[in-house]
N, C-alpha and C. Protein backbone atom coordinates (compact mmCIF):
# COMPACT_ATOMS: atom_id res chain seq x y z
N MET A 1 66.27 -30.42 -18.03
CA MET A 1 66.05 -29.21 -16.90
C MET A 1 66.42 -29.62 -14.92
N TRP A 2 65.00 -30.11 -14.73
CA TRP A 2 64.10 -30.33 -13.26
C TRP A 2 64.99 -32.39 -13.59
N ARG A 3 65.96 -32.52 -14.58
CA ARG A 3 65.83 -34.21 -14.15
C ARG A 3 67.48 -33.85 -12.52
N PRO A 4 68.34 -32.55 -12.86
CA PRO A 4 68.88 -32.69 -12.01
C PRO A 4 68.12 -32.44 -10.52
N PHE A 5 67.57 -32.52 -10.58
CA PHE A 5 66.68 -31.33 -9.05
C PHE A 5 66.33 -33.14 -8.83
N PHE A 6 66.19 -33.74 -9.17
CA PHE A 6 64.63 -35.44 -8.94
C PHE A 6 65.12 -36.29 -9.30
N GLN A 7 66.20 -36.38 -9.85
CA GLN A 7 66.51 -37.77 -10.22
C GLN A 7 67.26 -38.57 -8.67
N PRO A 8 67.83 -37.94 -7.73
CA PRO A 8 67.91 -38.38 -6.44
C PRO A 8 66.43 -39.68 -5.20
N TYR A 9 65.77 -37.98 -5.72
CA TYR A 9 65.00 -38.62 -4.30
C TYR A 9 63.98 -39.33 -4.96
N HIS A 10 62.68 -39.94 -5.03
CA HIS A 10 62.06 -41.08 -4.73
C HIS A 10 60.23 -39.70 -5.16
N LEU A 11 60.20 -40.24 -5.95
CA LEU A 11 58.70 -39.33 -6.83
C LEU A 11 57.79 -40.25 -6.31
N ILE A 12 56.51 -39.20 -5.01
CA ILE A 12 55.23 -39.93 -6.47
C ILE A 12 54.03 -38.87 -6.73
N ILE A 13 54.25 -39.42 -7.76
CA ILE A 13 53.21 -38.24 -9.02
C ILE A 13 52.11 -38.61 -8.66
N VAL A 14 50.94 -37.64 -8.56
CA VAL A 14 49.34 -37.90 -8.55
C VAL A 14 48.34 -37.41 -9.74
N GLN A 15 48.60 -38.44 -10.53
CA GLN A 15 47.96 -37.88 -11.60
C GLN A 15 45.99 -36.83 -11.35
N ASP A 16 47.19 -35.71 -12.60
CA ASP A 16 44.68 -34.82 -11.84
C ASP A 16 44.68 -35.24 -13.69
N GLY A 17 42.89 -34.76 -13.42
CA GLY A 17 42.95 -35.74 -14.54
C GLY A 17 41.77 -36.70 -14.89
N ASP A 18 41.65 -37.38 -15.87
CA ASP A 18 41.65 -38.12 -16.78
C ASP A 18 42.60 -40.15 -16.63
N PRO A 19 42.06 -40.57 -15.56
CA PRO A 19 42.68 -41.36 -15.52
C PRO A 19 43.83 -42.13 -17.02
N SER A 20 42.57 -42.32 -17.84
CA SER A 20 42.55 -43.25 -19.07
C SER A 20 44.47 -42.29 -19.90
N LYS A 21 44.47 -42.01 -19.82
CA LYS A 21 45.64 -40.20 -20.49
C LYS A 21 47.58 -41.07 -20.11
N THR A 22 47.75 -41.34 -20.99
CA THR A 22 49.32 -41.73 -19.39
C THR A 22 50.49 -41.10 -19.29
N ILE A 23 50.51 -41.32 -18.58
CA ILE A 23 52.13 -40.75 -17.74
C ILE A 23 53.27 -40.90 -18.16
N LYS A 24 54.06 -40.73 -19.47
CA LYS A 24 55.20 -40.43 -19.65
C LYS A 24 56.61 -40.08 -19.07
N VAL A 25 56.60 -40.97 -17.77
CA VAL A 25 58.09 -40.67 -16.61
C VAL A 25 59.78 -41.19 -17.46
N PRO A 26 60.04 -39.93 -17.42
CA PRO A 26 61.39 -41.29 -18.08
C PRO A 26 62.14 -41.65 -17.67
N GLU A 27 63.09 -42.27 -18.30
CA GLU A 27 63.84 -43.14 -17.80
C GLU A 27 64.92 -42.39 -16.44
N GLY A 28 65.03 -43.69 -15.44
CA GLY A 28 65.76 -43.10 -14.67
C GLY A 28 65.52 -42.78 -13.23
N PHE A 29 63.72 -42.65 -13.23
CA PHE A 29 63.29 -42.32 -11.72
C PHE A 29 62.72 -42.85 -10.86
N ASP A 30 63.39 -42.47 -9.55
CA ASP A 30 62.54 -43.82 -8.53
C ASP A 30 61.27 -43.19 -8.36
N TYR A 31 59.95 -43.58 -9.08
CA TYR A 31 58.58 -42.94 -8.45
C TYR A 31 57.44 -44.50 -8.48
N GLU A 32 56.81 -43.66 -8.49
CA GLU A 32 55.26 -43.85 -7.57
C GLU A 32 54.27 -43.28 -8.65
N LEU A 33 52.92 -43.57 -9.40
CA LEU A 33 52.40 -42.90 -10.45
C LEU A 33 50.86 -43.71 -10.10
N TYR A 34 50.02 -42.38 -9.15
CA TYR A 34 48.89 -42.87 -9.31
C TYR A 34 47.78 -42.16 -9.49
N ASN A 35 46.75 -42.24 -10.32
CA ASN A 35 45.50 -42.00 -10.50
C ASN A 35 44.85 -41.97 -9.56
N ARG A 36 42.97 -41.64 -10.55
CA ARG A 36 42.34 -41.37 -9.54
C ARG A 36 41.44 -43.71 -9.07
N ASN A 37 41.31 -44.40 -10.53
CA ASN A 37 41.65 -45.52 -10.07
C ASN A 37 41.93 -45.74 -9.44
N ASP A 38 43.34 -45.84 -8.88
CA ASP A 38 43.85 -45.66 -7.97
C ASP A 38 43.48 -45.80 -6.28
N ILE A 39 43.86 -44.17 -6.19
CA ILE A 39 42.78 -43.92 -5.67
C ILE A 39 41.37 -44.09 -4.80
N ASN A 40 40.61 -44.49 -5.90
CA ASN A 40 39.34 -45.52 -5.17
C ASN A 40 39.35 -46.78 -4.97
N ARG A 41 39.91 -47.75 -6.11
CA ARG A 41 40.95 -48.65 -5.02
C ARG A 41 41.87 -48.93 -3.91
N ILE A 42 42.92 -47.86 -4.10
CA ILE A 42 43.31 -47.93 -2.99
C ILE A 42 42.02 -47.40 -1.06
N LEU A 43 41.43 -46.71 -1.43
CA LEU A 43 41.13 -45.49 -0.53
C LEU A 43 39.36 -46.38 -0.04
N GLY A 44 38.70 -46.91 -1.53
CA GLY A 44 38.29 -47.35 -1.86
C GLY A 44 36.35 -46.27 -1.31
N PRO A 45 35.19 -46.66 -0.20
CA PRO A 45 34.20 -45.32 -0.82
C PRO A 45 34.72 -44.64 0.51
N LYS A 46 35.94 -43.91 0.81
CA LYS A 46 36.07 -42.74 1.53
C LYS A 46 36.77 -42.05 0.52
N SER A 47 36.97 -42.91 -0.12
CA SER A 47 38.17 -41.91 -2.11
C SER A 47 37.50 -40.45 -2.70
N SER A 48 36.09 -40.92 -1.81
CA SER A 48 35.54 -39.00 -2.08
C SER A 48 35.44 -37.82 -1.07
N CYS A 49 36.75 -37.97 -0.71
CA CYS A 49 37.21 -37.69 0.44
C CYS A 49 38.53 -36.26 -1.16
N ILE A 50 39.06 -36.97 -1.80
CA ILE A 50 40.09 -36.74 -2.29
C ILE A 50 39.59 -36.04 -3.45
N SER A 51 38.75 -34.86 -3.70
CA SER A 51 39.72 -33.72 -4.87
C SER A 51 40.11 -33.72 -6.28
N PHE A 52 39.52 -34.38 -7.39
CA PHE A 52 40.10 -33.84 -8.21
C PHE A 52 39.69 -32.12 -8.80
N LYS A 53 39.40 -31.61 -8.30
CA LYS A 53 38.73 -30.46 -9.11
C LYS A 53 39.73 -30.07 -9.29
N ASP A 54 40.90 -29.95 -8.78
CA ASP A 54 41.89 -28.66 -7.67
C ASP A 54 42.96 -29.36 -7.25
N SER A 55 44.11 -28.51 -6.80
CA SER A 55 44.83 -28.92 -6.37
C SER A 55 44.81 -30.71 -4.92
N ALA A 56 43.32 -30.46 -4.87
CA ALA A 56 43.53 -31.04 -3.45
C ALA A 56 43.74 -32.86 -4.02
N CYS A 57 44.10 -33.52 -4.65
CA CYS A 57 44.79 -34.54 -5.30
C CYS A 57 46.20 -34.60 -5.03
N ARG A 58 47.04 -33.55 -4.53
CA ARG A 58 47.54 -33.99 -4.00
C ARG A 58 48.47 -34.55 -2.40
N CYS A 59 46.73 -33.86 -2.42
CA CYS A 59 47.12 -34.96 -0.46
C CYS A 59 47.33 -36.09 -0.71
N PHE A 60 46.75 -36.75 -1.20
CA PHE A 60 46.80 -38.29 -2.25
C PHE A 60 47.96 -39.20 -1.24
N GLY A 61 49.31 -38.18 -2.25
CA GLY A 61 50.11 -37.42 -1.98
C GLY A 61 50.64 -38.21 -1.08
N TYR A 62 50.90 -37.62 -0.58
CA TYR A 62 50.65 -36.95 1.58
C TYR A 62 50.28 -37.78 2.13
N MET A 63 49.15 -38.13 1.98
CA MET A 63 48.91 -39.85 2.80
C MET A 63 50.04 -40.75 2.41
N VAL A 64 50.83 -41.33 1.45
CA VAL A 64 50.79 -42.68 0.58
C VAL A 64 52.57 -42.25 0.78
N SER A 65 53.17 -41.58 1.29
CA SER A 65 54.44 -41.25 1.35
C SER A 65 54.62 -41.73 3.08
N LYS A 66 56.48 -42.14 2.90
CA LYS A 66 56.62 -42.77 3.93
C LYS A 66 58.39 -41.61 4.38
N LYS A 67 58.26 -40.60 3.30
CA LYS A 67 59.69 -39.83 4.04
C LYS A 67 58.86 -38.81 4.46
N LYS A 68 60.39 -37.89 6.00
CA LYS A 68 59.89 -37.25 6.72
C LYS A 68 60.20 -35.31 5.17
N TYR A 69 60.36 -35.75 4.70
CA TYR A 69 60.21 -34.25 4.22
C TYR A 69 59.59 -34.32 2.51
N ILE A 70 59.01 -34.10 2.39
CA ILE A 70 57.62 -33.58 1.18
C ILE A 70 57.69 -31.69 1.22
N TYR A 71 58.34 -32.18 -1.02
CA TYR A 71 58.18 -30.63 -1.85
C TYR A 71 56.94 -31.21 -2.92
N THR A 72 55.63 -30.31 -2.51
CA THR A 72 54.93 -30.75 -4.15
C THR A 72 54.71 -29.33 -5.16
N ILE A 73 55.14 -30.30 -6.45
CA ILE A 73 54.71 -29.01 -7.67
C ILE A 73 54.22 -29.76 -8.64
N ASP A 74 53.14 -28.67 -9.13
CA ASP A 74 52.02 -29.03 -10.22
C ASP A 74 52.69 -29.13 -11.19
N ASP A 75 51.90 -29.58 -12.49
CA ASP A 75 52.33 -29.96 -14.20
C ASP A 75 53.14 -28.16 -14.47
N ASP A 76 52.25 -27.00 -13.92
CA ASP A 76 52.32 -25.68 -14.72
C ASP A 76 53.22 -25.38 -14.26
N CYS A 77 54.25 -25.94 -13.84
CA CYS A 77 55.51 -25.46 -12.12
C CYS A 77 56.33 -25.72 -13.46
N PHE A 78 56.90 -24.42 -14.27
CA PHE A 78 57.53 -24.66 -15.62
C PHE A 78 58.60 -23.60 -15.80
């Protein structure tokens, strides 16, 4: 259902919740996947500014994006 919409674009996926869980992205997508461990590694002591208790974790996606336009979607949007 979503493949035709997302496949032409570069995806930045920010996994909220347990970083030990594996996210499976189907083949054919151009994407970067980040979780809490990546954010801690990249931001160091400043990583606490990105909350994982709500939708604020998408702020990290905004930060790492180099694109002019950003579209966000949550895992329960279907």
